[in-house]
Amino acid sequence: MSLRTEIVKEVTRREPSANGLKVIHYYLCTDRSPNGGQFLYLKCHEEIWSPGSNPQGQSQLVRENFAVSGDFGENYYLALHIFRKIAEAQEVVSLEHLADVCRDELLEYTRKHSPKQVAEKPRLLELRSRR
């Protein structure tokens, strides 16, 4: 069995860092199976660039890292919602926090869409024995 990977959405964010420039690429991806299955997830590719560190005075890649998170199954709208939340966040979401953000959003979605709503404040019953 082979899966075909497609990039559905892509956003690049840049922010100054202590060492130069941090460039983060966010990707909303889907892997499709030959049988029609669709599996959505997020990828994050982070690059750290050092300004003018080579003899020509050009920026040089100092470090790069990569993370994958999600497991949204076939729920395109949930995956898109979380992707937008991460890509449009006021502060750049680093790849170290990608899995945490996805997990928290999935838990919140599951809580909101659970068929059985759990009471916010469970009532405590006081048991008294009869004599």
C-alpha atoms as a PDB file:
ATOM      1  CA  MET A   1       0.000   0.000   0.000  1.00  0.00           C
ATOM      2  CA  SER A   2       1.289   3.452  -0.836  1.00  0.00           C
ATOM      3  CA  LEU A   3       0.094   6.766   0.518  1.00  0.00           C
ATOM      4  CA  ARG A   4       0.125   9.960  -1.524  1.00  0.00           C
ATOM      5  CA  THR A   5       1.028  13.053   0.511  1.00  0.00           C
ATOM      6  CA  GLU A   6      -0.458  16.422  -0.418  1.00  0.00           C
ATOM      7  CA  ILE A   7       0.102  19.832   1.143  1.00  0.00           C
ATOM      8  CA  VAL A   8      -3.352  21.371   1.587  1.00  0.00           C
ATOM      9  CA  LYS A   9      -2.294  24.704   3.155  1.00  0.00           C
ATOM     10  CA  GLU A  10       1.057  26.334   3.868  1.00  0.00           C
ATOM     11  CA  VAL A  11       2.039  29.363   5.955  1.00  0.00           C
ATOM     12  CA  THR A  12       5.516  30.753   6.684  1.00  0.00           C
ATOM     13  CA  ARG A  13       6.202  32.913   9.736  1.00  0.00           C
ATOM     14  CA  ARG A  14       9.393  34.801  10.595  1.00  0.00           C
ATOM     15  CA  GLU A  15      10.580  36.229  13.883  1.00  0.00           C
ATOM     16  CA  PRO A  16      13.859  37.679  15.093  1.00  0.00           C
ATOM     17  CA  SER A  17      15.745  35.447  17.510  1.00  0.00           C
ATOM     18  CA  ALA A  18      18.841  35.912  19.665  1.00  0.00           C
ATOM     19  CA  ASN A  19      20.930  34.169  16.999  1.00  0.00           C
ATOM     20  CA  GLY A  20      19.444  35.871  13.937  1.00  0.00           C
ATOM     21  CA  LEU A  21      16.175  34.924  12.284  1.00  0.00           C
ATOM     22  CA  LYS A  22      13.755  32.065  12.992  1.00  0.00           C
ATOM     23  CA  VAL A  23      11.690  30.925   9.998  1.00  0.00           C
ATOM     24  CA  ILE A  24       8.851  28.508  10.645  1.00  0.00           C
ATOM     25  CA  HIS A  25       6.902  26.761   7.907  1.00  0.00           C
ATOM     26  CA  TYR A  26       3.519  25.263   8.868  1.00  0.00           C
ATOM     27  CA  TYR A  27       1.890  22.718   6.578  1.00  0.00           C
ATOM     28  CA  LEU A  28      -1.573  21.182   6.713  1.00  0.00           C
ATOM     29  CA  CYS A  29      -1.066  17.838   5.007  1.00  0.00           C
ATOM     30  CA  THR A  30      -3.161  14.893   3.977  1.00  0.00           C
ATOM     31  CA  ASP A  31      -2.052  11.393   3.133  1.00  0.00           C
ATOM     32  CA  ARG A  32      -4.449   9.620   0.804  1.00  0.00           C
ATOM     33  CA  SER A  33      -4.642   5.886   0.394  1.00  0.00           C
ATOM     34  CA  PRO A  34      -5.437   4.138  -2.904  1.00  0.00           C
ATOM     35  CA  ASN A  35      -8.744   3.102  -1.279  1.00  0.00           C
ATOM     36  CA  GLY A  36      -9.883   6.704  -0.763  1.00  0.00           C
ATOM     37  CA  GLY A  37      -8.888   7.149   2.883  1.00  0.00           C
ATOM     38  CA  GLN A  38      -7.709  10.595   3.922  1.00  0.00           C
ATOM     39  CA  PHE A  39      -5.497  11.218   6.975  1.00  0.00           C
ATOM     40  CA  LEU A  40      -4.889  14.834   8.011  1.00  0.00           C
ATOM     41  CA  TYR A  41      -2.012  16.162  10.146  1.00  0.00           C
ATOM     42  CA  LEU A  42       0.264  19.186  10.630  1.00  0.00           C
ATOM     43  CA  LYS A  43       3.956  19.512   9.841  1.00  0.00           C
ATOM     44  CA  CYS A  44       6.255  22.192  11.180  1.00  0.00           C
ATOM     45  CA  HIS A  45       9.710  22.918   9.747  1.00  0.00           C
ATOM     46  CA  GLU A  46      11.816  25.393  11.717  1.00  0.00           C
ATOM     47  CA  GLU A  47      15.000  27.086  10.477  1.00  0.00           C
ATOM     48  CA  ILE A  48      17.437  29.305  12.393  1.00  0.00           C
ATOM     49  CA  TRP A  49      19.456  31.685  10.220  1.00  0.00           C
ATOM     50  CA  SER A  50      22.545  33.578  11.372  1.00  0.00           C
ATOM     51  CA  PRO A  51      22.979  36.995   9.721  1.00  0.00           C
ATOM     52  CA  GLY A  52      26.124  37.626   7.685  1.00  0.00           C
ATOM     53  CA  SER A  53      28.046  34.667   9.077  1.00  0.00           C
ATOM     54  CA  ASN A  54      29.822  33.567   5.896  1.00  0.00           C
ATOM     55  CA  PRO A  55      32.677  35.377   4.042  1.00  0.00           C
ATOM     56  CA  GLN A  56      30.227  36.858   1.501  1.00  0.00           C
ATOM     57  CA  GLY A  57      28.163  38.403   4.311  1.00  0.00           C
ATOM     58  CA  GLN A  58      25.124  36.280   3.525  1.00  0.00           C
ATOM     59  CA  SER A  59      22.877  34.614   6.076  1.00  0.00           C
ATOM     60  CA  GLN A  60      23.708  31.022   6.830  1.00  0.00           C
ATOM     61  CA  LEU A  61      21.486  28.201   8.058  1.00  0.00           C
ATOM     62  CA  VAL A  62      22.617  27.403  11.603  1.00  0.00           C
ATOM     63  CA  ARG A  63      20.024  24.821  12.624  1.00  0.00           C
ATOM     64  CA  GLU A  64      16.794  23.261  11.433  1.00  0.00           C
ATOM     65  CA  ASN A  65      14.232  21.027  13.052  1.00  0.00           C
ATOM     66  CA  PHE A  66      11.007  19.251  12.145  1.00  0.00           C
ATOM     67  CA  ALA A  67       7.838  18.079  13.932  1.00  0.00           C
ATOM     68  CA  VAL A  68       4.608  16.348  12.951  1.00  0.00           C
ATOM     69  CA  SER A  69       1.393  16.351  14.945  1.00  0.00           C
ATOM     70  CA  GLY A  70      -2.299  15.948  14.590  1.00  0.00           C
ATOM     71  CA  ASP A  71      -3.943  12.696  13.681  1.00  0.00           C
ATOM     72  CA  PHE A  72      -7.173  14.461  12.718  1.00  0.00           C
ATOM     73  CA  GLY A  73      -8.390  11.474  10.717  1.00  0.00           C
ATOM     74  CA  GLU A  74     -10.733  12.657   7.984  1.00  0.00           C
ATOM     75  CA  ASN A  75     -12.054  15.699   9.879  1.00  0.00           C
ATOM     76  CA  TYR A  76     -10.966  18.422   7.441  1.00  0.00           C
ATOM     77  CA  TYR A  77     -12.739  21.274   9.237  1.00  0.00           C
ATOM     78  CA  LEU A  78     -11.165  20.434  12.594  1.00  0.00           C
ATOM     79  CA  ALA A  79      -7.715  20.153  11.001  1.00  0.00           C
ATOM     80  CA  LEU A  80      -8.205  23.458   9.165  1.00  0.00           C
ATOM     81  CA  HIS A  81      -9.418  25.185  12.352  1.00  0.00           C
ATOM     82  CA  ILE A  82      -6.358  24.056  14.323  1.00  0.00           C
ATOM     83  CA  PHE A  83      -3.995  24.879  11.451  1.00  0.00           C
ATOM     84  CA  ARG A  84      -5.397  28.428  11.243  1.00  0.00           C
ATOM     85  CA  LYS A  85      -5.235  28.858  15.006  1.00  0.00           C
ATOM     86  CA  ILE A  86      -1.539  27.930  14.980  1.00  0.00           C
ATOM     87  CA  ALA A  87      -0.620  29.789  11.771  1.00  0.00           C
ATOM     88  CA  GLU A  88      -2.419  32.999  12.795  1.00  0.00           C
ATOM     89  CA  ALA A  89      -1.462  33.027  16.477  1.00  0.00           C
ATOM     90  CA  GLN A  90      -0.220  36.359  17.771  1.00  0.00           C
ATOM     91  CA  GLU A  91       3.034  34.748  18.909  1.00  0.00           C
ATOM     92  CA  VAL A  92       4.748  32.210  16.679  1.00  0.00           C
ATOM     93  CA  VAL A  93       4.053  28.632  17.790  1.00  0.00           C
ATOM     94  CA  SER A  94       7.377  26.813  17.920  1.00  0.00           C
ATOM     95  CA  LEU A  95       7.636  23.186  16.957  1.00  0.00           C
ATOM     96  CA  GLU A  96       8.264  22.253  20.605  1.00  0.00           C
ATOM     97  CA  HIS A  97       4.682  23.320  21.367  1.00  0.00           C
ATOM     98  CA  LEU A  98       2.994  22.004  18.221  1.00  0.00           C
ATOM     99  CA  ALA A  99       1.984  18.648  19.732  1.00  0.00           C
ATOM    100  CA  ASP A 100       0.683  20.306  22.926  1.00  0.00           C
ATOM    101  CA  VAL A 101      -1.467  22.793  21.012  1.00  0.00           C
ATOM    102  CA  CYS A 102      -2.891  20.079  18.750  1.00  0.00           C
ATOM    103  CA  ARG A 103      -3.611  17.810  21.718  1.00  0.00           C
ATOM    104  CA  ASP A 104      -5.331  20.591  23.671  1.00  0.00           C
ATOM    105  CA  GLU A 105      -7.468  21.572  20.689  1.00  0.00           C
ATOM    106  CA  LEU A 106      -8.435  17.947  20.023  1.00  0.00           C
ATOM    107  CA  LEU A 107      -9.412  17.492  23.684  1.00  0.00           C
ATOM    108  CA  GLU A 108     -11.483  20.686  23.607  1.00  0.00           C
ATOM    109  CA  TYR A 109     -13.216  19.554  20.403  1.00  0.00           C
ATOM    110  CA  THR A 110     -13.933  16.131  21.886  1.00  0.00           C
ATOM    111  CA  ARG A 111     -15.303  17.700  25.068  1.00  0.00           C
ATOM    112  CA  LYS A 112     -17.611  20.036  23.140  1.00  0.00           C
ATOM    113  CA  HIS A 113     -18.870  17.335  20.790  1.00  0.00           C
ATOM    114  CA  SER A 114     -19.229  14.500  23.280  1.00  0.00           C
ATOM    115  CA  PRO A 115     -22.633  12.798  23.138  1.00  0.00           C
ATOM    116  CA  LYS A 116     -22.776  12.721  26.934  1.00  0.00           C
ATOM    117  CA  GLN A 117     -22.231  16.071  28.587  1.00  0.00           C
ATOM    118  CA  VAL A 118     -20.492  15.813  31.936  1.00  0.00           C
ATOM    119  CA  ALA A 119     -21.713  18.180  34.645  1.00  0.00           C
ATOM    120  CA  GLU A 120     -19.371  21.109  35.252  1.00  0.00           C
ATOM    121  CA  LYS A 121     -19.643  20.775  39.031  1.00  0.00           C
ATOM    122  CA  PRO A 122     -20.569  17.319  40.250  1.00  0.00           C
ATOM    123  CA  ARG A 123     -22.938  17.323  43.188  1.00  0.00           C
ATOM    124  CA  LEU A 124     -21.583  15.786  46.340  1.00  0.00           C
ATOM    125  CA  LEU A 125     -24.031  13.513  48.112  1.00  0.00           C
ATOM    126  CA  GLU A 126     -23.837  13.296  51.837  1.00  0.00           C
ATOM    127  CA  LEU A 127     -24.536   9.802  53.034  1.00  0.00           C
ATOM    128  CA  ARG A 128     -25.965   9.422  56.524  1.00  0.00           C
ATOM    129  CA  SER A 129     -26.680   6.212  58.232  1.00  0.00           C
ATOM    130  CA  ARG A 130     -30.100   5.763  59.841  1.00  0.00           C
ATOM    131  CA  ARG A 131     -30.281   4.508  63.357  1.00  0.00           C
END
